[in-house]
N, C-alpha and C. Protein backbone atom coordinates (compact mmCIF):
# COMPACT_ATOMS: atom_id res chain seq x y z
N UNK A 1 184.59 154.87 113.00
CA UNK A 1 184.53 155.74 114.14
C UNK A 1 183.06 156.28 114.24
N UNK A 2 182.92 156.72 115.40
CA UNK A 2 181.70 157.45 115.69
C UNK A 2 181.89 159.07 115.44
N UNK A 3 181.03 159.66 114.71
CA UNK A 3 180.95 160.89 114.26
C UNK A 3 181.32 162.13 115.48
N UNK A 4 180.68 161.81 116.29
CA UNK A 4 180.89 162.94 117.50
C UNK A 4 182.36 163.80 117.55
N UNK A 5 182.71 164.71 117.23
CA UNK A 5 184.08 165.15 117.68
C UNK A 5 184.60 166.34 118.26
N UNK A 6 183.35 166.98 119.46
CA UNK A 6 183.76 167.64 120.35
C UNK A 6 182.70 167.74 121.35
N UNK A 7 183.13 168.07 122.83
CA UNK A 7 182.87 168.16 123.81
C UNK A 7 181.80 168.93 124.08
N UNK A 8 181.12 169.72 123.26
CA UNK A 8 180.03 170.79 123.31
C UNK A 8 178.79 170.41 122.99
N UNK A 9 177.99 171.12 123.77
CA UNK A 9 176.20 171.05 123.68
C UNK A 9 175.74 170.58 122.44
N UNK A 10 175.07 169.60 122.25
CA UNK A 10 174.45 170.03 120.72
C UNK A 10 173.16 169.53 120.67
N UNK A 11 172.12 169.66 119.62
CA UNK A 11 170.88 169.42 119.79
C UNK A 11 170.61 168.61 118.24
N UNK A 12 169.62 167.62 118.39
CA UNK A 12 169.17 167.09 117.24
C UNK A 12 167.71 166.57 117.17
N UNK A 13 167.23 166.59 116.04
CA UNK A 13 165.99 166.56 116.02
C UNK A 13 165.58 165.03 115.37
N UNK A 14 164.28 164.57 116.02
CA UNK A 14 163.88 163.35 115.39
C UNK A 14 162.47 163.13 115.49
N UNK A 15 161.39 162.51 115.31
CA UNK A 15 159.97 162.16 115.84
C UNK A 15 159.91 160.95 116.86
N UNK A 16 160.64 159.83 117.13
CA UNK A 16 160.45 158.87 117.67
C UNK A 16 161.40 158.44 118.44
N UNK A 17 162.07 157.98 119.34
CA UNK A 17 162.81 157.50 120.16
C UNK A 17 162.66 155.65 120.23
N UNK A 18 163.88 155.36 120.10
CA UNK A 18 164.11 153.39 120.10
C UNK A 18 165.03 153.36 121.56
N UNK A 19 164.44 152.82 122.14
CA UNK A 19 165.21 152.66 123.50
C UNK A 19 165.94 151.19 123.64
N UNK A 20 167.28 150.60 123.32
CA UNK A 20 167.54 149.17 124.26
C UNK A 20 167.22 149.39 125.51
N UNK A 21 167.05 148.40 126.13
CA UNK A 21 166.63 147.79 127.22
C UNK A 21 167.75 147.94 128.00
N UNK A 22 168.45 146.87 128.40
CA UNK A 22 169.40 146.31 129.43
C UNK A 22 170.84 147.30 129.12
N UNK A 23 171.53 147.92 129.88
CA UNK A 23 172.19 148.85 129.47
C UNK A 23 172.35 150.52 129.09
N UNK A 24 170.68 150.62 129.08
CA UNK A 24 170.25 151.84 128.38
C UNK A 24 169.61 152.49 129.54
N UNK A 25 168.42 151.74 129.51
CA UNK A 25 166.92 151.99 130.66
C UNK A 25 167.34 151.27 131.88
N UNK A 26 167.99 149.76 132.14
CA UNK A 26 168.38 149.52 133.32
C UNK A 26 169.43 148.70 133.19
N UNK A 27 169.96 148.47 134.49
CA UNK A 27 171.16 147.43 134.85
C UNK A 27 170.41 146.37 134.98
N UNK A 28 171.03 145.20 134.31
CA UNK A 28 170.73 143.74 134.64
C UNK A 28 171.92 142.75 134.64
N UNK A 29 173.01 143.52 134.65
CA UNK A 29 174.15 142.75 134.32
C UNK A 29 174.61 141.35 135.09
N UNK A 30 174.04 141.88 136.52
CA UNK A 30 174.37 140.34 137.54
C UNK A 30 173.72 139.49 137.25
N UNK A 31 172.63 139.57 136.85
CA UNK A 31 171.27 138.70 136.60
C UNK A 31 171.99 137.86 135.32
N UNK A 32 172.52 138.62 134.39
CA UNK A 32 172.66 138.22 133.19
C UNK A 32 174.07 137.32 133.37
N UNK A 33 174.77 137.61 133.55
CA UNK A 33 176.22 136.84 134.18
C UNK A 33 175.86 135.66 134.69
N UNK A 34 174.80 135.84 136.03
CA UNK A 34 175.20 134.45 136.97
C UNK A 34 173.81 133.65 136.00
N UNK A 35 173.28 134.40 135.08
CA UNK A 35 172.08 133.07 134.46
C UNK A 35 172.88 132.57 133.30
N UNK A 36 173.66 133.29 132.33
CA UNK A 36 174.36 132.74 131.60
C UNK A 36 175.85 131.51 132.37
N UNK A 37 176.28 131.81 133.24
CA UNK A 37 177.27 131.48 134.07
C UNK A 37 176.54 130.07 134.57
N UNK A 38 175.14 129.80 134.87
CA UNK A 38 174.94 128.64 135.10
C UNK A 38 174.21 127.83 133.99
N UNK A 39 174.09 128.30 132.82
CA UNK A 39 173.16 127.71 131.89
C UNK A 39 175.02 126.88 131.30
N UNK A 40 176.30 127.92 130.94
CA UNK A 40 177.14 127.32 130.31
C UNK A 40 177.37 126.37 131.36
N UNK A 41 177.88 126.42 132.57
CA UNK A 41 178.44 125.27 133.27
C UNK A 41 177.54 123.84 133.13
N UNK A 42 175.94 123.97 132.89
CA UNK A 42 175.33 123.05 132.71
C UNK A 42 175.63 122.40 131.56
N UNK A 43 176.16 123.05 130.40
CA UNK A 43 176.42 122.43 129.21
C UNK A 43 177.64 122.69 128.61
N UNK A 44 178.67 122.86 129.30
CA UNK A 44 180.20 122.16 129.48
C UNK A 44 180.87 123.46 128.29
N UNK A 45 180.00 125.01 128.15
CA UNK A 45 180.75 125.91 127.56
C UNK A 45 181.40 126.73 128.79
N UNK A 46 182.29 127.52 128.35
CA UNK A 46 182.85 128.39 128.82
C UNK A 46 182.09 129.65 129.33
N UNK A 47 181.78 129.79 130.50
CA UNK A 47 181.22 130.75 130.83
C UNK A 47 181.51 132.56 130.44
N UNK A 48 182.76 132.62 130.35
CA UNK A 48 183.32 133.71 129.64
C UNK A 48 182.76 133.94 128.37
N UNK A 49 182.77 133.02 127.50
CA UNK A 49 182.67 132.96 126.13
C UNK A 49 180.53 133.37 126.37
N UNK A 50 180.14 132.62 127.04
CA UNK A 50 178.77 132.79 127.00
C UNK A 50 178.41 134.46 127.61
N UNK A 51 178.91 134.73 128.24
CA UNK A 51 178.39 136.20 128.84
C UNK A 51 178.90 137.12 127.72
N UNK A 52 179.94 136.50 127.12
CA UNK A 52 180.66 138.07 126.01
C UNK A 52 179.63 137.86 125.08
N UNK A 53 179.51 136.90 124.31
CA UNK A 53 178.40 136.78 123.09
C UNK A 53 177.05 136.84 123.28
N UNK A 54 176.56 136.76 124.74
CA UNK A 54 175.36 137.26 124.55
C UNK A 54 174.61 138.53 124.61
N UNK A 55 175.60 139.29 125.24
CA UNK A 55 175.55 140.76 125.49
C UNK A 55 174.59 141.36 123.98
N UNK A 56 173.80 141.62 124.04
CA UNK A 56 173.22 142.71 123.20
C UNK A 56 172.44 141.66 121.97
N UNK A 57 172.66 140.25 121.98
CA UNK A 57 171.64 139.47 121.34
C UNK A 57 170.74 138.52 121.59
N UNK A 58 170.07 138.35 120.81
CA UNK A 58 168.93 137.41 121.05
C UNK A 58 169.52 136.12 121.97
N UNK A 59 168.77 135.21 123.12
CA UNK A 59 169.82 134.49 123.54
C UNK A 59 169.33 133.00 122.69
N UNK A 60 168.52 133.31 121.84
CA UNK A 60 168.50 131.86 121.05
C UNK A 60 169.44 131.58 119.67
N UNK A 61 169.88 132.82 119.43
CA UNK A 61 170.71 132.97 118.80
C UNK A 61 172.67 133.02 119.51
N UNK A 62 172.58 133.01 120.70
CA UNK A 62 173.52 132.77 121.62
C UNK A 62 173.55 131.22 121.66
N UNK A 63 172.72 130.85 122.14
CA UNK A 63 172.64 128.97 122.34
C UNK A 63 173.07 128.53 120.98
N UNK A 64 172.35 128.83 120.05
CA UNK A 64 172.72 128.24 118.88
C UNK A 64 174.24 128.54 118.18
N UNK A 65 174.58 129.46 118.86
CA UNK A 65 176.64 129.99 118.44
C UNK A 65 177.10 128.90 119.17
N UNK A 66 177.01 128.65 120.69
CA UNK A 66 177.87 127.98 121.41
C UNK A 66 177.61 126.82 121.67
N UNK A 67 176.34 125.84 121.52
CA UNK A 67 176.26 124.77 120.96
C UNK A 67 175.25 124.54 120.07
N UNK A 68 175.66 124.46 118.73
CA UNK A 68 174.68 124.19 117.66
C UNK A 68 174.05 122.66 117.75
N UNK A 69 174.79 122.02 118.26
CA UNK A 69 174.03 120.43 118.46
C UNK A 69 173.03 120.38 119.30
N UNK A 70 172.60 121.43 119.77
CA UNK A 70 171.80 121.12 120.56
C UNK A 70 170.11 122.11 120.38
N UNK A 71 169.34 121.89 120.72
CA UNK A 71 167.74 122.41 120.21
C UNK A 71 167.71 123.70 120.84
N UNK A 72 167.81 124.73 119.70
CA UNK A 72 167.82 125.88 120.43
C UNK A 72 166.55 126.57 120.91
N UNK A 73 165.51 126.14 120.83
CA UNK A 73 164.17 126.44 121.43
C UNK A 73 164.17 125.96 122.85
N UNK A 74 164.68 124.91 123.24
CA UNK A 74 164.79 124.22 124.13
C UNK A 74 165.86 125.20 125.22
N UNK A 75 166.67 125.04 124.70
CA UNK A 75 167.95 125.68 125.45
C UNK A 75 167.59 127.47 125.54
N UNK A 76 166.74 128.02 124.71
CA UNK A 76 166.52 129.39 124.75
C UNK A 76 165.50 129.29 126.10
N UNK A 77 164.48 128.54 126.21
CA UNK A 77 163.60 128.39 127.46
C UNK A 77 164.20 127.86 128.61
N UNK A 78 165.25 127.59 128.71
CA UNK A 78 166.10 127.39 129.77
C UNK A 78 167.01 128.11 130.12
N UNK A 79 167.35 128.72 129.76
CA UNK A 79 168.06 130.18 129.72
C UNK A 79 166.93 131.34 130.43
N UNK A 80 166.33 131.57 129.26
CA UNK A 80 165.06 132.82 130.04
C UNK A 80 164.61 132.23 131.31
N UNK A 81 164.30 131.09 131.46
CA UNK A 81 163.74 130.42 133.19
C UNK A 81 164.79 130.80 134.07
N UNK A 82 166.09 131.04 133.81
CA UNK A 82 167.37 131.45 134.77
C UNK A 82 166.93 132.87 134.84
N UNK A 83 166.65 133.59 133.81
CA UNK A 83 167.03 134.79 134.05
C UNK A 83 165.76 135.35 134.56
N UNK A 84 164.44 134.94 134.18
CA UNK A 84 163.13 135.70 135.17
C UNK A 84 162.94 135.47 136.32
N UNK A 85 163.68 134.15 136.61
CA UNK A 85 163.70 133.87 138.27
C UNK A 85 164.56 134.75 138.87
N UNK A 86 165.58 135.34 138.22
CA UNK A 86 166.71 136.14 138.87
C UNK A 86 166.77 137.86 138.38
N UNK A 87 166.10 138.77 139.28
CA UNK A 87 166.21 140.20 139.28
C UNK A 87 166.91 140.70 140.36
N UNK A 88 167.52 140.18 141.28
CA UNK A 88 168.36 140.62 142.27
C UNK A 88 169.18 141.65 141.52
N UNK A 89 169.33 143.01 142.22
CA UNK A 89 170.35 143.80 141.65
C UNK A 89 169.19 144.50 140.13
N UNK A 90 168.45 144.08 139.56
CA UNK A 90 168.04 144.78 138.05
C UNK A 90 167.53 146.14 138.75
N UNK A 91 168.39 147.15 138.26
CA UNK A 91 167.82 148.55 138.87
C UNK A 91 168.02 149.92 137.45
N UNK A 92 166.97 150.85 137.65
CA UNK A 92 166.96 151.37 136.74
C UNK A 92 168.26 152.57 136.80
N UNK A 93 168.77 152.95 135.46
CA UNK A 93 170.07 153.38 135.32
C UNK A 93 169.71 155.11 135.63
N UNK A 94 171.03 156.24 135.37
CA UNK A 94 170.88 157.44 135.89
C UNK A 94 170.46 158.29 134.84
N UNK A 95 169.00 158.97 135.04
CA UNK A 95 168.93 160.12 134.10
C UNK A 95 167.29 159.53 133.23
N UNK A 96 167.35 158.40 133.25
CA UNK A 96 166.28 157.57 132.62
C UNK A 96 164.79 157.86 132.76
N UNK A 97 164.37 158.01 133.96
CA UNK A 97 163.18 158.33 134.72
C UNK A 97 162.73 159.63 134.03
N UNK A 98 164.02 160.74 134.19
CA UNK A 98 163.54 162.16 134.00
C UNK A 98 163.44 162.31 132.60
N UNK A 99 164.35 161.88 131.78
CA UNK A 99 163.94 161.80 130.00
C UNK A 99 162.48 160.84 129.89
N UNK A 100 162.32 160.01 130.10
CA UNK A 100 161.01 159.40 129.68
C UNK A 100 159.75 160.35 130.20
N UNK A 101 159.64 160.93 131.44
CA UNK A 101 158.91 161.72 131.72
C UNK A 101 158.76 162.75 131.16
N UNK A 102 159.68 163.36 130.06
CA UNK A 102 159.25 164.32 129.10
C UNK A 102 158.98 164.01 127.95
N UNK A 103 158.83 162.95 127.68
CA UNK A 103 158.54 162.01 126.46
C UNK A 103 156.98 161.94 126.26
N UNK A 104 156.27 162.21 125.33
CA UNK A 104 154.78 161.77 124.99
C UNK A 104 154.96 160.10 124.72
N UNK A 105 153.88 159.31 125.17
CA UNK A 105 154.55 158.19 125.25
C UNK A 105 154.30 157.32 124.17
N UNK A 106 153.74 157.97 122.99
CA UNK A 106 153.57 157.28 121.88
C UNK A 106 154.85 157.78 121.14
N UNK A 107 155.66 158.46 121.44
CA UNK A 107 156.82 158.56 120.58
C UNK A 107 157.90 157.90 121.16
N UNK A 108 157.96 156.79 122.05
CA UNK A 108 159.40 156.23 122.58
C UNK A 108 158.62 154.63 122.53
N UNK A 109 159.66 153.32 122.41
CA UNK A 109 159.33 152.15 122.77
C UNK A 109 160.82 151.30 123.25
N UNK A 110 160.33 150.33 123.43
CA UNK A 110 161.72 149.67 123.70
C UNK A 110 162.12 148.52 122.70
N UNK A 111 163.52 148.80 122.22
CA UNK A 111 163.65 147.52 120.97
C UNK A 111 164.62 146.78 122.10
N UNK A 112 164.72 145.64 122.42
CA UNK A 112 165.15 144.97 123.13
C UNK A 112 165.51 143.46 122.51
N UNK A 113 166.57 142.47 122.71
CA UNK A 113 167.07 141.62 122.43
C UNK A 113 166.48 140.14 123.22
N UNK A 114 165.78 141.03 124.33
CA UNK A 114 165.42 140.01 125.76
C UNK A 114 164.03 139.33 125.07
N UNK A 115 163.51 138.35 125.46
CA UNK A 115 162.11 137.79 125.33
C UNK A 115 161.12 138.84 125.95
N UNK A 116 160.04 138.90 125.52
CA UNK A 116 158.60 139.57 125.89
C UNK A 116 158.74 139.74 127.54
N UNK A 117 158.48 138.38 128.11
CA UNK A 117 158.23 138.19 129.28
C UNK A 117 159.53 138.45 130.21
N UNK A 118 160.97 138.20 129.70
CA UNK A 118 162.29 138.66 130.27
C UNK A 118 161.99 140.01 130.64
N UNK A 119 161.53 140.70 129.46
CA UNK A 119 161.72 142.38 129.15
C UNK A 119 160.77 142.81 130.38
N UNK A 120 159.31 142.40 130.27
CA UNK A 120 158.24 142.88 130.97
C UNK A 120 158.96 143.12 132.40
N UNK A 121 159.58 141.59 132.86
CA UNK A 121 159.79 141.86 134.31
C UNK A 121 160.76 142.33 134.88
N UNK A 122 162.00 142.57 133.84
CA UNK A 122 162.78 143.85 134.02
C UNK A 122 162.21 145.12 133.67
N UNK A 123 161.74 145.37 133.30
CA UNK A 123 161.47 146.86 133.10
C UNK A 123 160.48 146.98 134.44
N UNK A 124 159.63 146.29 134.58
CA UNK A 124 158.98 146.70 135.98
C UNK A 124 160.13 146.37 137.17
N UNK A 125 160.95 145.67 137.25
CA UNK A 125 161.66 145.64 138.29
C UNK A 125 162.53 146.89 138.19
N UNK A 126 163.01 147.47 137.49
CA UNK A 126 163.28 148.55 137.07
C UNK A 126 162.66 150.56 137.46
N UNK A 127 161.11 149.47 137.45
CA UNK A 127 160.27 150.80 137.86
C UNK A 127 159.86 151.59 136.45
N UNK A 128 160.29 150.85 135.26
CA UNK A 128 160.04 151.80 134.09
C UNK A 128 158.75 151.43 133.57
N UNK A 129 158.18 152.60 133.18
CA UNK A 129 156.54 152.67 132.88
C UNK A 129 156.73 152.47 131.29
N UNK A 130 156.01 151.29 131.07
CA UNK A 130 156.41 151.18 129.30
C UNK A 130 155.15 150.65 128.81
N UNK A 131 154.76 151.15 127.70
CA UNK A 131 153.80 151.28 126.56
C UNK A 131 153.58 149.89 126.43
N UNK A 132 152.42 149.48 125.94
CA UNK A 132 151.67 148.09 125.75
C UNK A 132 152.65 147.33 124.60
N UNK A 133 152.93 148.17 123.62
CA UNK A 133 153.64 147.61 122.47
C UNK A 133 155.02 147.90 122.61
N UNK A 134 155.88 146.62 122.47
CA UNK A 134 157.20 146.86 122.35
C UNK A 134 158.46 145.76 121.40
N UNK A 135 159.27 145.87 120.96
CA UNK A 135 159.86 144.93 120.18
C UNK A 135 160.76 144.33 120.95
N UNK A 136 160.69 142.98 120.98
CA UNK A 136 161.27 142.05 121.28
C UNK A 136 162.01 140.72 120.64
N UNK A 137 162.52 139.69 121.44
CA UNK A 137 163.06 138.71 120.32
C UNK A 137 162.22 137.88 119.70
N UNK A 138 161.03 137.75 120.02
CA UNK A 138 159.81 137.06 119.39
C UNK A 138 159.12 138.00 118.20
N UNK A 139 159.43 139.44 117.90
CA UNK A 139 158.82 140.15 117.11
C UNK A 139 159.44 140.23 115.68
N UNK A 140 160.74 139.91 115.74
CA UNK A 140 161.79 139.57 114.26
C UNK A 140 162.09 138.27 114.52
N UNK A 141 162.59 137.87 113.11
CA UNK A 141 163.29 136.73 112.83
C UNK A 141 164.62 136.85 112.82
N UNK A 142 165.35 138.14 112.74
CA UNK A 142 166.46 138.01 112.92
C UNK A 142 167.09 139.11 114.04
N UNK A 143 167.51 138.96 114.77
CA UNK A 143 168.15 139.91 115.97
C UNK A 143 169.41 140.65 115.60
N UNK A 144 169.49 141.84 116.27
CA UNK A 144 170.88 142.56 116.38
C UNK A 144 171.85 141.69 116.12
N UNK A 145 172.78 142.06 115.28
CA UNK A 145 173.39 143.56 114.58
C UNK A 145 172.31 143.56 113.02
N UNK A 146 171.51 142.41 113.03
CA UNK A 146 170.60 143.11 111.69
C UNK A 146 169.70 144.15 112.31
N UNK A 147 169.63 145.10 111.36
CA UNK A 147 168.43 146.00 111.04
C UNK A 147 167.00 145.69 111.86
N UNK A 148 166.62 144.35 111.56
CA UNK A 148 165.15 144.42 111.64
C UNK A 148 164.25 144.43 113.22
N UNK A 149 165.15 144.94 113.88
CA UNK A 149 164.45 145.01 115.29
C UNK A 149 164.17 146.48 115.63
N UNK A 150 165.41 147.27 114.92
CA UNK A 150 164.80 148.73 114.91
C UNK A 150 164.00 149.27 113.62
N UNK A 151 163.78 148.53 112.60
CA UNK A 151 163.04 148.97 111.54
C UNK A 151 161.56 148.56 112.07
N UNK A 152 161.56 147.71 112.61
CA UNK A 152 160.30 146.99 113.25
C UNK A 152 159.86 148.27 114.65
N UNK A 153 160.80 148.51 115.26
CA UNK A 153 160.25 149.38 116.07
C UNK A 153 160.02 150.90 115.43
N UNK A 154 160.55 151.26 114.65
CA UNK A 154 160.23 152.66 113.86
C UNK A 154 158.95 152.25 113.19
N UNK A 155 158.46 151.12 112.79
CA UNK A 155 157.03 150.81 111.84
C UNK A 155 156.14 151.01 113.40
N UNK A 156 156.61 150.71 114.53
CA UNK A 156 155.76 150.50 115.66
C UNK A 156 154.94 151.72 115.78
N UNK A 157 156.13 152.82 115.82
CA UNK A 157 156.00 154.21 116.16
C UNK A 157 155.31 154.72 114.77
N UNK A 158 155.53 154.61 113.85
CA UNK A 158 154.79 154.84 112.45
C UNK A 158 155.46 156.05 111.83
N UNK A 159 156.83 156.01 112.22
CA UNK A 159 157.91 156.80 111.52
C UNK A 159 158.69 156.04 110.74
N UNK A 160 159.50 157.06 109.87
CA UNK A 160 160.47 156.16 108.95
C UNK A 160 161.86 155.91 110.08
N UNK A 161 162.60 155.12 109.93
CA UNK A 161 163.97 154.64 110.71
C UNK A 161 164.75 156.31 110.22
N UNK A 162 164.98 156.81 109.56
CA UNK A 162 165.86 158.06 109.05
C UNK A 162 164.98 159.23 110.11
N UNK A 163 163.93 158.79 110.71
CA UNK A 163 163.35 159.76 111.42
C UNK A 163 163.47 159.73 112.77
N UNK A 164 164.10 158.33 113.51
CA UNK A 164 164.18 157.69 114.88
C UNK A 164 165.28 157.90 115.26
N UNK A 165 165.47 158.15 116.53
CA UNK A 165 166.88 158.05 117.13
C UNK A 165 166.86 156.83 118.22
N UNK A 166 168.09 156.16 118.10
CA UNK A 166 168.10 154.60 118.69
C UNK A 166 169.40 155.26 119.72
N UNK A 167 168.95 154.67 121.40
CA UNK A 167 170.01 154.80 122.18
C UNK A 167 170.47 153.31 122.54
N UNK A 168 171.54 153.15 122.69
CA UNK A 168 172.13 151.63 122.38
C UNK A 168 173.42 151.73 123.33
N UNK A 169 173.60 150.78 123.95
CA UNK A 169 175.19 150.52 124.50
C UNK A 169 175.80 149.32 124.12
N UNK A 170 175.60 148.43 123.39
CA UNK A 170 176.28 147.20 122.80
C UNK A 170 176.56 147.34 121.07
N UNK A 171 177.83 146.71 121.06
CA UNK A 171 178.28 147.07 119.43
C UNK A 171 177.27 146.36 118.31
N UNK A 172 176.71 145.26 119.25
CA UNK A 172 175.53 144.77 118.05
C UNK A 172 174.66 145.80 117.67
N UNK A 173 173.88 146.51 118.79
CA UNK A 173 172.70 147.42 118.76
C UNK A 173 173.15 148.48 118.01
N UNK A 174 174.36 148.93 118.09
CA UNK A 174 174.43 150.26 117.28
C UNK A 174 174.61 149.80 115.94
N UNK A 175 175.26 148.96 115.90
CA UNK A 175 175.18 148.29 114.23
C UNK A 175 173.95 148.15 113.49
N UNK A 176 172.95 147.56 114.38
CA UNK A 176 171.77 147.43 114.14
C UNK A 176 170.94 149.16 113.90
N UNK A 177 171.06 149.82 114.69
CA UNK A 177 170.45 150.85 114.43
C UNK A 177 171.08 151.60 113.00
N UNK A 178 172.25 151.98 113.52
CA UNK A 178 172.81 152.44 111.97
C UNK A 178 172.38 151.86 110.67
N UNK A 179 172.07 150.50 110.52
CA UNK A 179 172.24 149.51 109.40
C UNK A 179 170.41 150.04 109.25
N UNK A 180 169.74 150.25 109.80
CA UNK A 180 168.22 150.47 109.71
C UNK A 180 168.33 151.91 109.39
N UNK A 181 169.11 152.94 109.67
CA UNK A 181 169.00 154.03 108.94
C UNK A 181 168.78 155.16 110.02
N UNK A 182 168.73 154.60 111.41
CA UNK A 182 168.18 155.54 112.31
C UNK A 182 169.92 156.58 113.06
N UNK A 183 169.44 157.57 113.85
CA UNK A 183 170.26 158.25 114.32
C UNK A 183 171.02 157.27 115.58
N UNK A 184 172.06 157.18 115.93
CA UNK A 184 172.60 156.42 117.13
C UNK A 184 173.09 156.85 118.05
N UNK A 185 172.61 156.87 119.25
CA UNK A 185 173.44 157.68 120.46
C UNK A 185 173.66 156.43 121.21
N UNK A 186 175.39 155.86 121.42
CA UNK A 186 175.43 155.06 122.07
C UNK A 186 176.23 155.22 123.55
N UNK A 187 175.70 154.69 124.46
CA UNK A 187 176.49 155.35 126.02
C UNK A 187 177.17 153.75 126.18
N UNK A 188 178.53 154.44 127.05
CA UNK A 188 179.65 153.45 127.35
C UNK A 188 179.13 152.68 128.62
N UNK A 189 178.41 152.34 129.06
CA UNK A 189 178.32 151.56 130.01
C UNK A 189 178.70 150.36 130.17
N UNK A 190 178.50 149.46 129.05
CA UNK A 190 178.98 147.85 129.10
C UNK A 190 180.04 147.91 127.80
N UNK A 191 180.07 148.66 127.02
CA UNK A 191 181.14 148.21 125.73
C UNK A 191 182.52 149.61 125.89
N UNK A 192 183.54 149.06 125.67
CA UNK A 192 184.79 150.47 125.21
C UNK A 192 184.33 151.17 123.84
N UNK A 193 184.58 152.22 123.74
CA UNK A 193 184.79 153.07 122.90
C UNK A 193 185.20 152.74 121.41
N UNK A 194 186.05 151.62 121.64
CA UNK A 194 186.65 151.18 120.27
C UNK A 194 185.16 150.17 119.87
N UNK A 195 184.48 150.04 120.20
CA UNK A 195 183.61 148.54 120.03
C UNK A 195 182.50 149.28 119.56
N UNK A 196 182.11 150.65 119.63
CA UNK A 196 181.10 151.31 119.03
C UNK A 196 181.18 152.31 118.07
N UNK A 197 181.85 151.76 117.03
CA UNK A 197 181.98 152.83 116.14
C UNK A 197 180.98 153.08 115.05
N UNK A 198 180.07 152.33 115.50
CA UNK A 198 178.46 152.53 114.45
C UNK A 198 177.92 153.38 114.86
N UNK A 199 178.25 153.82 116.14
CA UNK A 199 177.27 155.19 116.58
C UNK A 199 177.45 156.41 116.11
N UNK A 200 176.58 157.24 115.92
CA UNK A 200 176.98 158.82 115.76
C UNK A 200 177.75 159.57 116.79
N UNK A 201 177.02 159.00 117.40
CA UNK A 201 177.46 160.26 119.26
C UNK A 201 177.75 159.13 120.04
N UNK A 202 178.57 159.37 121.14
CA UNK A 202 178.73 158.78 122.55
C UNK A 202 178.27 159.60 123.63
N UNK A 203 177.84 158.86 124.60
CA UNK A 203 177.32 159.57 125.80
C UNK A 203 177.72 158.54 127.24
N UNK A 204 178.30 159.13 128.47
CA UNK A 204 178.07 157.98 129.41
C UNK A 204 176.96 157.32 129.66
N UNK A 205 176.04 157.93 130.08
CA UNK A 205 174.83 157.64 130.38
C UNK A 205 173.63 158.81 129.66
N UNK A 206 172.30 158.41 130.25
CA UNK A 206 171.14 159.64 129.85
C UNK A 206 171.32 160.65 130.61
N UNK A 207 172.38 160.47 131.80
CA UNK A 207 172.29 162.05 132.60
C UNK A 207 172.40 162.96 131.84
N UNK A 208 171.62 164.33 132.38
CA UNK A 208 171.68 165.44 130.96
C UNK A 208 171.05 165.42 129.94
N UNK A 209 170.73 164.25 129.56
CA UNK A 209 169.62 164.38 128.21
C UNK A 209 168.38 164.89 128.19
N UNK A 210 167.94 165.84 127.52
CA UNK A 210 166.86 166.61 127.30
C UNK A 210 166.00 166.51 126.39
N UNK A 211 165.03 166.60 126.46
CA UNK A 211 164.13 166.69 125.62
C UNK A 211 163.10 167.61 125.42
N UNK A 212 162.71 168.35 124.29
CA UNK A 212 161.97 169.54 124.03
C UNK A 212 160.95 169.35 122.96
N UNK A 213 159.52 169.24 123.22
CA UNK A 213 158.84 168.87 122.29
C UNK A 213 158.58 170.39 121.58
N UNK A 214 158.17 170.20 120.23
CA UNK A 214 157.92 171.64 119.29
C UNK A 214 156.59 171.87 119.48
N UNK A 215 156.45 173.11 119.39
CA UNK A 215 155.07 173.77 119.69
C UNK A 215 153.77 172.82 119.15
N UNK A 216 153.89 172.36 117.74
CA UNK A 216 152.97 171.63 117.06
C UNK A 216 152.99 169.93 117.38
N UNK A 217 153.74 169.93 117.89
CA UNK A 217 153.96 168.17 118.56
C UNK A 217 155.01 167.42 117.48
N UNK A 218 155.08 168.18 116.41
CA UNK A 218 155.73 167.04 115.34
C UNK A 218 157.23 166.62 115.66
N UNK A 219 158.17 167.49 116.47
CA UNK A 219 159.64 167.05 116.45
C UNK A 219 159.97 167.07 117.88
N UNK A 220 161.01 166.42 117.91
CA UNK A 220 161.48 166.08 119.67
C UNK A 220 162.99 166.61 119.49
N UNK A 221 163.15 167.67 120.07
CA UNK A 221 164.67 168.34 120.19
C UNK A 221 165.13 167.70 121.08
N UNK A 222 166.16 166.61 121.18
CA UNK A 222 167.42 166.12 121.91
C UNK A 222 168.87 166.96 122.21
N UNK A 223 168.68 167.20 123.62
CA UNK A 223 169.93 168.03 124.08
C UNK A 223 170.99 167.30 124.95
N UNK A 224 171.95 167.33 124.26
CA UNK A 224 173.03 166.63 125.19
C UNK A 224 174.56 166.78 124.76
N UNK A 225 175.43 166.33 125.73
CA UNK A 225 176.97 166.86 125.44
C UNK A 225 177.17 165.09 124.94
N UNK A 226 178.06 165.42 124.15
CA UNK A 226 178.52 163.95 123.41
C UNK A 226 180.05 164.16 124.02
N UNK A 227 180.56 162.47 123.74
CA UNK A 227 182.06 162.73 124.42
C UNK A 227 182.96 162.81 123.12
N UNK A 228 184.06 163.32 123.60
CA UNK A 228 185.02 163.94 121.96
C UNK A 228 185.81 162.43 121.99
N UNK A 229 185.55 162.07 120.80
CA UNK A 229 186.54 160.93 120.28
C UNK A 229 186.97 161.11 119.18
C-alpha cells in the first residue's frame, strides 16, 4: 500500500526530480494504443494484451514477451516507426509546464521507457522544454520495473537515489523508483490505485504541485496534497 494516509497538504524535500514521460508530462495514449494495435494485428497478437503489457515498459521487452520467436530488435524498430509517425493527440498534461518552469534545469530530467528519438518527438509535440541529457530505453540494459533507469537518472543529475523524487503513473515505474531508493509520487492518470502500491504518495496529476528552492539552492521543497488511501 502507498504510505499517504491523509488528504492534507504536505511538503517533502529532495535535490533532484526524475519524471516519467508518458502519463506524467504528456499524454500519448492514443498514439500508443493505435501503434500497438497495428503491430499486434500484423503479428497475430491480441491488441488488448499488447497495450496492457506495453504501458510503462520498454518496447523491446514487450515485443520479446509477446512474440519471443521473432527478432526483438527488428520488431522494436517496427513499433518505434509506427509510434514516431503518430503524434496525433499528444499533449502536455495539467500542471506540468508551471512545475517545470519553477525548477532549475539542472535539477530534473526525464526517465522514460521510450527510445530517445520517440521521446524527443513526443516531448516536442507536447511543448516540453527538455535538457540535453535524458534517460531512455537505450540508456540501460534492463527497463522498468528494474531500478536501472532511475539509478541512471539519479546519476545523471549527480545525486544519490535517496535524494531524488520520482513522478510516475505506471505500476512498473513505481516499482522501479522504489527499488532504486527514490521517493515515489504516482499519479492516478492511467492505472488504478490498487496497481500503484509501490508509490509513497498518490496524486491525480501535477496540478497544484509546487516547488520552492532553498536559499542556498541545495534543496527543493515539493508541496502537494496526496490522495487519501
